[in-house]
Amino acid sequence: MKKTSFPALLCAAALASTALTGCGSAEQPAATKPTQTNSGTVAWSPCTDLTGPDGKPAAPDPAVECGKLAVPLDYAKQDGEQIDLALIRVKASGDRLGSLVFNFGGPGGSGVDMLGMAAKIFGGLGAGYDLVSFDPRGVERSAPVKCGDSVEKWISVDPAGDEMDKIAKEFAASCAKDSGKLLPHVGTVNAARDLDRIRAALGDERLNYFGMSYGTHLGAVYATQYPKNVGRFVLDGALDPTVTFAERAKTQSAGFKQAFDAFAADCVKQGCDLGADPAAVRKSVETLLAGLQDKPLKVAGRELTKGLAGTGVLAALYSKLSWPMLEQAVAAAAKGDGTQLLTLADGYTGRKPDGTYSTLMTSVLAIDCVDSAERPSPADIDKVERETGKIFPLMRSGGLGAICAHWPAPGGDESKKIDATGSAPILVIGGKGDPATPYQWAPKLAAQLKTGVLVTYEGEGHGAYLSGSTCVSRLVDAYFLTGKNPGANATCPAA
């Protein structure tokens, strides 16, 4: 397979890592007034603490501004304790239509850092909109969920090993100790309330929103709570909020198997260092992981364990752009150099060059556990492990359920109830080769919304807009900039 710049691909992979209405305009009826919410203000100033794609501090950009917005910790006590949400804005370069708010996924991803890195990618949209993103509550700069020093142990554990339940219990206890007061108040329902505070503070009557991966769930919950406040919405890499932990694990295992098989076939087609046929490529990866079980690779004072290596493999399957990186990383590890595979894992888990971690791995668990009333038993988790192992042995996945089984804050199912009746049309994009949010979830979310307009992308990768498809990017840009609705069941070919 063709060799490609490792840092460049890592950045690209990070950005790629989440009854239908008919044709018509996305303009709102003039007679319909949006629901109002309490409005704070944002004091914008130069950004001073952004992180670049290499995990190191990024140089300040005069075109980029940062600010904070105070919101209630507990919406049942709106005059009580407040927390600050961190925001970022890149002002429109042309005739301004309003603000366009992004959530790039996770849950737990920093929208502040991601928009700081990716603003130029969305330059076409930036001609008409102030591009805005934020760290949701519980994430990075916005009342972050902290769990002591338990992250390293959690991400290094073999998901198929006997230690998982014990380590999950220790992890949850650490989160309770460091963030107990915050934990009941993270989650998608409160994040949607925050999103409406952001809309009001930006001065927009309606919210224009681009959600990717988990951001599709947040957008769907917002549209359910505030349908009359929905402006132009695009949900790319759709998540079905109604799935159980077990259903999610099995569906994603099948999705990642499909992505791995596509990677292996493509690698062989282009001349692959891992094997002469797809079966040999898979065997190379399985052999590497099996060897790491008892003998991790030493990498600059650290260890590449089986768990971390598996995470690195899965991270590279999110985007076709990172397939060459996966081949290089596995081939190097097979020769004793685990540096690239560990770098892939570090990018996925939010590890910084100084050895500390972003809140990605803590906030994702906190949000997911609050978003569901499920608390699986050890027997339930063991069953999921066995079933996902049969589907795709490289991804045996019961970890989220194991954490939530011990989570110190209660969960609820309010965020699973989706119905945006009365909203403007909402574009829901699903990719046929998406491993993390498999295609079958897109038509389900569109149907749940009632106002969803399904768009199908025939290609590979998690998220269609960043896949390199000009069809998808033109369709999405036209919707945001002109209100042009592609109509039900629009399709874009693979890039």
Protein backbone atom coordinates (compact mmCIF):
# COMPACT_ATOMS: atom_id res chain seq x y z
CA MET A 1 0.00 0.00 0.00
CA LYS A 2 1.21 3.52 -0.77
CA LYS A 3 3.11 5.16 2.09
CA THR A 4 1.70 8.41 3.40
CA SER A 5 2.76 11.05 5.91
CA PHE A 6 1.96 9.69 9.37
CA PRO A 7 1.25 13.06 11.08
CA ALA A 8 -0.97 14.21 8.20
CA LEU A 9 -3.01 11.01 8.29
CA LEU A 10 -3.32 11.16 12.07
CA CYS A 11 -4.88 14.60 11.80
CA ALA A 12 -7.23 13.47 9.02
CA ALA A 13 -8.28 10.40 11.00
CA ALA A 14 -8.97 12.50 14.09
CA LEU A 15 -11.29 14.77 12.12
CA ALA A 16 -13.09 11.80 10.59
CA SER A 17 -13.31 10.21 14.22
CA THR A 18 -18.85 10.25 14.55
CA ALA A 19 -42.18 9.41 7.11
CA LEU A 20 -39.55 11.69 5.37
CA THR A 21 -40.16 15.21 4.20
CA GLY A 22 -40.15 15.98 0.53
CA CYS A 23 -38.27 18.63 -1.42
CA GLY A 24 -38.58 22.20 -0.25
CA SER A 25 -36.89 25.09 1.46
CA ALA A 26 -35.40 25.08 4.95
CA GLU A 27 -36.74 28.58 5.57
CA GLN A 28 -38.96 28.91 8.66
CA PRO A 29 -42.58 30.10 8.43
CA ALA A 30 -42.64 33.78 9.28
CA ALA A 31 -45.57 33.34 11.65
CA THR A 32 -43.79 30.76 13.82
CA LYS A 33 -41.79 32.24 16.68
CA PRO A 34 -39.10 30.11 18.31
CA THR A 35 -39.26 29.19 21.97
CA GLN A 36 -37.19 31.63 24.01
CA THR A 37 -34.74 30.68 26.72
CA ASN A 38 -32.75 32.60 29.29
CA SER A 39 -29.89 34.36 27.55
CA GLY A 40 -26.44 34.98 28.97
CA THR A 41 -23.62 36.72 27.20
CA VAL A 42 -20.26 35.60 25.87
CA ALA A 43 -17.21 37.83 26.21
CA TRP A 44 -15.00 36.88 23.25
CA SER A 45 -11.22 37.23 23.38
CA PRO A 46 -8.16 35.62 21.71
CA CYS A 47 -7.77 31.88 22.33
CA THR A 48 -4.77 31.00 24.50
CA ASP A 49 -5.05 27.27 25.27
CA LEU A 50 -5.90 25.42 22.06
CA THR A 51 -4.39 22.01 21.30
CA GLY A 52 -3.08 21.01 17.86
CA PRO A 53 -3.41 17.62 16.09
CA ASP A 54 -0.11 16.51 17.63
CA GLY A 55 -1.52 17.07 21.14
CA LYS A 56 0.78 20.01 21.77
CA PRO A 57 -0.32 23.63 22.39
CA ALA A 58 -1.36 25.37 19.17
CA ALA A 59 -0.16 28.84 18.20
CA PRO A 60 -2.82 31.57 18.66
CA ASP A 61 -4.73 32.48 15.50
CA PRO A 62 -6.03 36.07 15.35
CA ALA A 63 -9.06 34.91 13.35
CA VAL A 64 -10.19 32.62 16.17
CA GLU A 65 -11.90 33.79 19.36
CA CYS A 66 -12.77 31.98 22.59
CA GLY A 67 -15.25 32.75 25.35
CA LYS A 68 -17.29 31.36 28.23
CA LEU A 69 -21.01 31.13 28.94
CA ALA A 70 -22.44 30.49 32.40
CA VAL A 71 -25.22 27.89 32.65
CA PRO A 72 -26.89 26.15 35.62
CA LEU A 73 -25.20 23.06 37.00
CA ASP A 74 -28.69 21.76 37.81
CA TYR A 75 -31.52 22.96 35.58
CA ALA A 76 -33.97 22.20 38.36
CA LYS A 77 -32.22 24.99 40.32
CA GLN A 78 -31.56 27.57 37.63
CA ASP A 79 -30.62 30.27 40.12
CA GLY A 80 -28.24 27.94 41.93
CA GLU A 81 -24.64 26.98 41.20
CA GLN A 82 -23.39 27.84 37.70
CA ILE A 83 -20.74 26.24 35.52
CA ASP A 84 -18.90 27.79 32.59
CA LEU A 85 -19.12 26.38 29.07
CA ALA A 86 -16.06 27.03 26.89
CA LEU A 87 -16.82 28.26 23.35
CA ILE A 88 -14.83 29.00 20.21
CA ARG A 89 -15.80 31.15 17.22
CA VAL A 90 -14.39 31.84 13.75
CA LYS A 91 -16.21 34.87 12.34
CA ALA A 92 -17.81 34.69 8.89
CA SER A 93 -15.54 35.68 6.03
CA GLY A 94 -18.40 36.84 3.77
CA ASP A 95 -21.99 37.97 4.02
CA ARG A 96 -23.11 36.63 7.39
CA LEU A 97 -26.21 34.41 7.61
CA GLY A 98 -25.84 33.75 11.33
CA SER A 99 -23.98 31.24 13.48
CA LEU A 100 -23.38 27.55 12.72
CA VAL A 101 -22.74 25.46 15.83
CA PHE A 102 -20.77 22.19 15.59
CA ASN A 103 -20.56 19.11 17.77
CA PHE A 104 -17.91 16.78 16.33
CA GLY A 105 -18.82 13.73 18.41
CA GLY A 106 -17.60 11.65 21.30
CA PRO A 107 -19.46 12.02 23.48
CA GLY A 108 -16.67 13.82 25.22
CA GLY A 109 -14.81 15.33 22.29
CA SER A 110 -13.57 18.90 22.67
CA GLY A 111 -15.35 21.09 20.16
CA VAL A 112 -13.03 23.95 21.07
CA ASP A 113 -9.89 22.05 20.08
CA MET A 114 -11.49 20.39 17.06
CA LEU A 115 -12.83 23.57 15.48
CA GLY A 116 -9.50 25.23 16.19
CA MET A 117 -7.84 22.51 14.10
CA ALA A 118 -10.54 22.08 11.46
CA ALA A 119 -11.85 25.58 10.74
CA LYS A 120 -10.18 25.72 7.30
CA ILE A 121 -11.85 22.45 6.30
CA PHE A 122 -15.21 24.16 6.79
CA GLY A 123 -14.11 27.33 4.99
CA GLY A 124 -16.98 27.12 2.47
CA LEU A 125 -19.50 27.25 5.30
CA GLY A 126 -17.41 29.92 7.01
CA ALA A 127 -18.11 32.26 4.11
CA GLY A 128 -21.69 32.57 5.33
CA TYR A 129 -21.59 31.68 9.00
CA ASP A 130 -19.71 32.38 12.17
CA LEU A 131 -18.39 28.87 12.87
CA VAL A 132 -18.95 28.05 16.55
CA SER A 133 -18.25 25.04 18.74
CA PHE A 134 -17.97 24.29 22.43
CA ASP A 135 -16.84 21.81 25.05
CA PRO A 136 -20.08 20.26 26.35
CA ARG A 137 -20.58 20.05 30.11
CA GLY A 138 -18.24 17.48 31.62
CA VAL A 139 -15.71 17.92 28.82
CA GLU A 140 -12.22 19.45 28.96
CA ARG A 141 -12.73 23.17 29.75
CA SER A 142 -16.43 22.95 30.71
CA ALA A 143 -16.61 21.55 34.27
CA PRO A 144 -14.57 18.48 33.22
CA VAL A 145 -15.24 15.01 34.61
CA LYS A 146 -12.10 13.85 36.41
CA CYS A 147 -11.35 10.35 37.61
CA GLY A 148 -7.95 10.49 39.29
CA ASP A 149 -5.18 8.57 37.59
CA SER A 150 -7.37 5.59 36.62
CA VAL A 151 -7.49 6.26 32.87
CA GLU A 152 -4.19 4.57 32.01
CA LYS A 153 -5.18 1.32 33.71
CA TRP A 154 -8.65 1.34 32.12
CA ILE A 155 -7.50 1.85 28.54
CA SER A 156 -4.70 -0.71 28.85
CA VAL A 157 -6.89 -3.57 30.05
CA ASP A 158 -7.65 -6.44 27.68
CA PRO A 159 -11.42 -6.18 27.04
CA ALA A 160 -11.64 -9.97 26.97
CA GLY A 161 -9.68 -10.42 30.18
CA ASP A 162 -10.84 -11.34 33.67
CA GLU A 163 -9.73 -7.99 35.14
CA MET A 164 -12.31 -5.82 33.40
CA ASP A 165 -15.00 -5.82 36.10
CA LYS A 166 -12.50 -5.13 38.87
CA ILE A 167 -10.86 -2.26 37.01
CA ALA A 168 -14.26 -0.86 35.95
CA LYS A 169 -15.33 -0.76 39.60
CA GLU A 170 -12.12 1.05 40.58
CA PHE A 171 -12.53 3.52 37.71
CA ALA A 172 -16.11 4.37 38.70
CA ALA A 173 -15.06 4.87 42.32
CA SER A 174 -12.34 7.30 41.23
CA CYS A 175 -14.88 9.30 39.23
CA ALA A 176 -17.22 9.44 42.22
CA LYS A 177 -14.40 10.71 44.42
CA ASP A 178 -13.22 13.45 42.06
CA SER A 179 -16.45 14.47 40.27
CA GLY A 180 -19.34 13.16 42.35
CA LYS A 181 -21.28 16.44 42.45
CA LEU A 182 -21.05 16.88 38.68
CA LEU A 183 -21.85 13.35 37.50
CA PRO A 184 -25.68 13.45 37.82
CA HIS A 185 -25.81 16.62 35.71
CA VAL A 186 -23.82 15.65 32.62
CA GLY A 187 -25.63 13.89 29.80
CA THR A 188 -27.30 14.75 26.52
CA VAL A 189 -30.55 16.20 27.88
CA ASN A 190 -28.70 18.87 29.84
CA ALA A 191 -26.26 19.41 26.96
CA ALA A 192 -29.26 20.16 24.72
CA ARG A 193 -30.47 22.73 27.24
CA ASP A 194 -27.00 24.24 27.21
CA LEU A 195 -27.14 24.32 23.41
CA ASP A 196 -30.23 26.48 23.52
CA ARG A 197 -28.49 28.83 25.95
CA ILE A 198 -25.66 29.05 23.42
CA ARG A 199 -28.14 29.84 20.60
CA ALA A 200 -29.67 32.65 22.61
CA ALA A 201 -26.31 34.06 23.67
CA LEU A 202 -25.19 34.12 20.03
CA GLY A 203 -28.24 36.21 19.20
CA ASP A 204 -29.78 33.67 16.80
CA GLU A 205 -33.54 33.13 16.73
CA ARG A 206 -32.99 29.60 15.50
CA LEU A 207 -30.10 27.22 15.86
CA ASN A 208 -28.15 26.20 12.76
CA TYR A 209 -26.33 23.01 13.73
CA PHE A 210 -23.89 20.48 12.29
CA GLY A 211 -23.66 17.32 14.42
CA MET A 212 -21.34 14.42 13.68
CA SER A 213 -21.43 10.96 15.29
CA TYR A 214 -22.59 11.51 18.90
CA GLY A 215 -23.37 15.05 17.76
CA THR A 216 -26.31 13.55 15.85
CA HIS A 217 -27.76 12.32 19.14
CA LEU A 218 -27.31 15.73 20.75
CA GLY A 219 -28.93 17.39 17.74
CA ALA A 220 -31.86 14.96 17.80
CA VAL A 221 -32.46 15.59 21.51
CA TYR A 222 -32.27 19.35 20.94
CA ALA A 223 -34.77 19.12 18.08
CA THR A 224 -37.08 17.08 20.32
CA GLN A 225 -36.92 19.64 23.14
CA TYR A 226 -36.98 22.77 20.97
CA PRO A 227 -38.51 21.89 17.57
CA LYS A 228 -39.51 25.48 16.79
CA ASN A 229 -35.94 26.63 17.42
CA VAL A 230 -34.48 24.30 14.76
CA GLY A 231 -32.90 26.15 11.84
CA ARG A 232 -30.79 24.28 9.31
CA PHE A 233 -29.69 20.98 10.86
CA VAL A 234 -27.37 18.32 9.44
CA LEU A 235 -26.72 15.10 11.39
CA ASP A 236 -23.83 13.13 9.84
CA GLY A 237 -22.89 9.62 11.01
CA ALA A 238 -26.23 9.02 12.66
CA LEU A 239 -26.59 7.27 16.01
CA ASP A 240 -29.80 5.45 16.92
CA PRO A 241 -30.42 6.57 20.54
CA THR A 242 -32.79 3.70 21.26
CA VAL A 243 -30.24 0.87 21.01
CA THR A 244 -29.23 -1.02 24.14
CA PHE A 245 -25.61 -1.51 25.19
CA ALA A 246 -25.71 -5.04 23.76
CA GLU A 247 -27.28 -3.95 20.47
CA ARG A 248 -24.76 -1.14 20.08
CA ALA A 249 -21.81 -3.45 20.76
CA LYS A 250 -22.97 -6.11 18.30
CA THR A 251 -23.87 -3.63 15.56
CA GLN A 252 -20.57 -1.79 15.89
CA SER A 253 -18.63 -5.06 15.93
CA ALA A 254 -20.23 -5.96 12.60
CA GLY A 255 -19.47 -2.46 11.30
CA PHE A 256 -15.79 -2.65 12.26
CA LYS A 257 -15.51 -6.15 10.78
CA GLN A 258 -16.85 -4.78 7.52
CA ALA A 259 -14.38 -1.89 7.66
CA PHE A 260 -11.46 -4.22 8.44
CA ASP A 261 -12.37 -6.52 5.57
CA ALA A 262 -12.52 -3.51 3.22
CA PHE A 263 -9.13 -2.33 4.51
CA ALA A 264 -7.59 -5.76 4.02
CA ALA A 265 -8.91 -6.06 0.46
CA ASP A 266 -7.71 -2.57 -0.42
CA CYS A 267 -4.30 -3.23 1.14
CA VAL A 268 -3.82 -6.39 -0.94
CA LYS A 269 -4.98 -4.60 -4.08
CA GLN A 270 -2.30 -1.95 -3.68
CA GLY A 271 0.49 -4.27 -2.52
CA CYS A 272 0.35 -5.04 1.17
CA ASP A 273 3.15 -5.57 3.67
CA LEU A 274 0.79 -7.61 5.87
CA GLY A 275 -0.09 -10.43 3.51
CA ALA A 276 -0.82 -11.57 -0.02
CA ASP A 277 -4.57 -11.96 0.51
CA PRO A 278 -7.18 -10.58 2.96
CA ALA A 279 -7.07 -13.69 5.14
CA ALA A 280 -3.30 -13.29 5.54
CA VAL A 281 -3.73 -9.61 6.47
CA ARG A 282 -6.19 -10.50 9.18
CA LYS A 283 -3.89 -13.28 10.42
CA SER A 284 -1.01 -10.81 10.70
CA VAL A 285 -3.06 -8.53 12.96
CA GLU A 286 -4.39 -11.41 15.06
CA THR A 287 -0.88 -12.84 15.50
CA LEU A 288 0.47 -9.46 16.61
CA LEU A 289 -2.29 -8.96 19.19
CA ALA A 290 -1.96 -12.49 20.52
CA GLY A 291 1.77 -12.01 21.04
CA LEU A 292 1.20 -8.77 22.94
CA GLN A 293 -1.04 -10.57 25.42
CA ASP A 294 1.95 -12.01 27.30
CA LYS A 295 4.74 -9.84 25.92
CA PRO A 296 3.90 -6.14 25.42
CA LEU A 297 6.29 -4.09 23.30
CA LYS A 298 8.46 -1.51 25.03
CA VAL A 299 7.97 1.96 23.53
CA ALA A 300 9.98 4.84 25.04
CA GLY A 301 9.44 3.76 28.63
CA ARG A 302 5.86 2.64 28.05
CA GLU A 303 4.25 -0.61 26.94
CA LEU A 304 2.13 -1.37 23.91
CA THR A 305 -0.33 -3.86 25.43
CA LYS A 306 -2.85 -5.98 23.58
CA GLY A 307 -5.60 -3.61 24.70
CA LEU A 308 -3.80 -0.50 23.44
CA ALA A 309 -2.81 -2.17 20.18
CA GLY A 310 -6.42 -3.19 19.57
CA THR A 311 -7.49 0.39 20.23
CA GLY A 312 -4.93 1.62 17.70
CA VAL A 313 -6.22 -0.78 15.05
CA LEU A 314 -9.83 0.25 15.58
CA ALA A 315 -8.91 3.96 15.57
CA ALA A 316 -7.39 3.62 12.09
CA LEU A 317 -10.53 1.91 10.77
CA TYR A 318 -12.63 5.04 11.33
CA SER A 319 -11.47 6.59 8.07
CA LYS A 320 -10.24 5.25 4.75
CA LEU A 321 -7.68 8.05 4.88
CA SER A 322 -5.94 6.28 7.76
CA TRP A 323 -5.77 2.81 6.19
CA PRO A 324 -2.17 3.35 4.97
CA MET A 325 -1.28 4.37 8.53
CA LEU A 326 -2.77 1.12 9.85
CA GLU A 327 -0.69 -0.98 7.46
CA GLN A 328 2.49 0.87 8.40
CA ALA A 329 1.78 0.67 12.14
CA VAL A 330 1.02 -3.07 12.21
CA ALA A 331 3.98 -3.93 9.97
CA ALA A 332 6.33 -1.94 12.20
CA ALA A 333 4.93 -3.50 15.39
CA ALA A 334 5.40 -6.98 13.93
CA LYS A 335 9.10 -6.08 13.62
CA GLY A 336 9.27 -4.87 17.22
CA ASP A 337 8.50 -1.15 16.83
CA GLY A 338 5.14 -0.29 18.40
CA THR A 339 5.56 3.48 18.17
CA GLN A 340 3.03 4.15 15.42
CA LEU A 341 0.39 1.81 16.81
CA LEU A 342 0.74 3.40 20.25
CA THR A 343 0.43 6.84 18.66
CA LEU A 344 -2.85 5.76 17.06
CA ALA A 345 -4.13 4.56 20.42
CA ASP A 346 -3.00 7.76 22.13
CA GLY A 347 -4.87 9.87 19.59
CA TYR A 348 -8.03 7.88 20.22
CA THR A 349 -7.80 7.99 24.02
CA GLY A 350 -6.76 11.63 24.32
CA ARG A 351 -3.25 11.07 25.71
CA LYS A 352 -1.08 14.16 25.50
CA PRO A 353 2.69 14.30 24.86
CA ASP A 354 3.32 15.07 28.54
CA GLY A 355 1.61 11.82 29.59
CA THR A 356 -1.59 13.41 30.86
CA TYR A 357 -4.98 12.76 29.31
CA SER A 358 -7.77 14.97 28.04
CA THR A 359 -11.15 14.24 29.58
CA LEU A 360 -12.25 12.25 26.52
CA MET A 361 -12.15 8.83 28.17
CA THR A 362 -13.78 10.02 31.40
CA SER A 363 -16.47 12.26 29.93
CA VAL A 364 -17.54 9.70 27.31
CA LEU A 365 -18.28 7.19 30.05
CA ALA A 366 -19.98 9.74 32.29
CA ILE A 367 -22.27 10.94 29.52
CA ASP A 368 -23.14 7.49 28.18
CA CYS A 369 -23.91 6.10 31.65
CA VAL A 370 -26.19 9.03 32.53
CA ASP A 371 -27.93 8.68 29.14
CA SER A 372 -29.16 5.16 29.91
CA ALA A 373 -31.00 3.49 32.76
CA GLU A 374 -29.28 0.20 31.89
CA ARG A 375 -26.99 -1.27 34.52
CA PRO A 376 -25.87 -4.63 33.07
CA SER A 377 -24.96 -7.55 35.31
CA PRO A 378 -21.61 -9.36 34.96
CA ALA A 379 -23.50 -12.17 33.23
CA ASP A 380 -24.97 -9.68 30.73
CA ILE A 381 -21.52 -8.28 30.02
CA ASP A 382 -19.98 -11.73 29.60
CA LYS A 383 -22.70 -12.59 27.10
CA VAL A 384 -22.00 -9.44 25.07
CA GLU A 385 -18.27 -10.25 25.10
CA ARG A 386 -18.92 -13.72 23.72
CA GLU A 387 -21.31 -12.48 21.05
CA THR A 388 -19.14 -9.62 19.81
CA GLY A 389 -16.10 -11.93 19.88
CA LYS A 390 -17.87 -14.25 17.45
CA ILE A 391 -18.69 -11.35 15.14
CA PHE A 392 -15.26 -9.71 15.15
CA PRO A 393 -12.64 -11.09 17.56
CA LEU A 394 -10.54 -7.92 17.27
CA MET A 395 -13.34 -6.00 18.96
CA ARG A 396 -14.82 -7.80 21.92
CA SER A 397 -16.81 -5.02 23.54
CA GLY A 398 -18.45 -5.06 26.94
CA GLY A 399 -16.43 -2.23 28.44
CA LEU A 400 -19.10 0.47 28.45
CA GLY A 401 -21.57 -1.84 30.15
CA ALA A 402 -18.95 -2.85 32.71
CA ILE A 403 -18.39 0.79 33.69
CA CYS A 404 -22.08 1.68 33.84
CA ALA A 405 -22.78 -1.36 36.01
CA HIS A 406 -20.78 0.38 38.75
CA TRP A 407 -21.52 4.01 37.87
CA PRO A 408 -22.14 6.20 40.95
CA ALA A 409 -24.79 8.43 39.31
CA PRO A 410 -28.24 7.27 38.18
CA GLY A 411 -29.08 7.00 34.51
CA GLY A 412 -32.30 7.67 32.63
CA ASP A 413 -33.82 7.10 29.22
CA GLU A 414 -35.13 10.58 28.42
CA SER A 415 -32.49 11.12 25.75
CA LYS A 416 -33.72 8.01 23.91
CA LYS A 417 -37.14 9.57 23.22
CA ILE A 418 -36.85 11.36 19.87
CA ASP A 419 -39.66 13.25 18.11
CA ALA A 420 -38.97 16.58 16.39
CA THR A 421 -42.48 17.05 14.99
CA GLY A 422 -42.89 20.69 14.00
CA SER A 423 -39.21 21.33 13.25
CA ALA A 424 -37.67 22.36 9.96
CA PRO A 425 -36.34 19.50 7.78
CA ILE A 426 -33.30 17.79 9.35
CA LEU A 427 -30.76 16.13 7.05
CA VAL A 428 -29.67 12.73 8.40
CA ILE A 429 -26.62 11.25 6.65
CA GLY A 430 -25.64 7.58 6.87
CA GLY A 431 -22.63 5.90 5.28
CA LYS A 432 -22.80 2.37 3.92
CA GLY A 433 -19.20 1.74 5.07
CA ASP A 434 -19.36 3.54 8.42
CA PRO A 435 -18.00 1.25 11.17
CA ALA A 436 -18.81 3.30 14.27
CA THR A 437 -22.33 4.46 13.38
CA PRO A 438 -23.43 1.76 10.94
CA TYR A 439 -25.77 2.74 8.13
CA GLN A 440 -28.85 1.01 9.57
CA TRP A 441 -29.01 3.63 12.33
CA ALA A 442 -29.50 6.53 9.89
CA PRO A 443 -32.96 5.63 8.53
CA LYS A 444 -34.03 4.76 12.08
CA LEU A 445 -33.03 8.18 13.41
CA ALA A 446 -34.63 9.94 10.43
CA ALA A 447 -37.89 8.10 11.13
CA GLN A 448 -37.78 8.85 14.86
CA LEU A 449 -37.33 12.57 14.17
CA LYS A 450 -40.45 12.63 11.94
CA THR A 451 -38.84 15.56 10.09
CA GLY A 452 -35.69 13.68 9.02
CA VAL A 453 -34.51 13.69 5.40
CA LEU A 454 -32.31 10.64 4.76
CA VAL A 455 -29.13 11.04 2.72
CA THR A 456 -27.14 7.89 1.88
CA TYR A 457 -23.39 7.89 1.26
CA GLU A 458 -22.15 4.75 -0.51
CA GLY A 459 -18.54 5.01 0.63
CA GLU A 460 -16.26 4.10 3.53
CA GLY A 461 -15.48 5.86 6.78
CA HIS A 462 -17.08 7.31 9.87
CA GLY A 463 -18.91 10.44 8.76
CA ALA A 464 -19.56 11.37 5.15
CA TYR A 465 -18.76 15.10 5.03
CA LEU A 466 -15.10 14.53 5.88
CA SER A 467 -14.76 11.46 3.65
CA GLY A 468 -13.61 13.40 0.60
CA SER A 469 -16.95 13.10 -1.18
CA THR A 470 -17.63 16.25 -3.21
CA CYS A 471 -21.23 15.08 -3.63
CA VAL A 472 -21.82 15.09 0.12
CA SER A 473 -19.95 18.34 0.77
CA ARG A 474 -21.83 20.16 -1.99
CA LEU A 475 -25.17 18.84 -0.80
CA VAL A 476 -24.51 19.84 2.82
CA ASP A 477 -23.04 23.24 1.92
CA ALA A 478 -26.02 24.01 -0.32
CA TYR A 479 -28.44 23.17 2.48
CA PHE A 480 -26.68 25.36 5.00
CA LEU A 481 -25.96 28.28 2.66
CA THR A 482 -29.14 28.37 0.56
CA GLY A 483 -31.67 26.12 2.31
CA LYS A 484 -31.80 23.75 -0.69
CA ASN A 485 -33.32 20.47 0.50
CA PRO A 486 -32.03 17.42 -1.41
CA GLY A 487 -35.30 15.59 -0.85
CA ALA A 488 -35.97 12.18 0.62
CA ASN A 489 -33.57 9.32 -0.15
CA ALA A 490 -30.84 11.35 -1.85
CA THR A 491 -27.72 9.24 -2.53
CA CYS A 492 -24.04 10.09 -3.03
CA PRO A 493 -21.57 7.61 -4.56
CA ALA A 494 -18.34 6.56 -2.84
CA ALA A 495 -15.55 9.09 -3.11
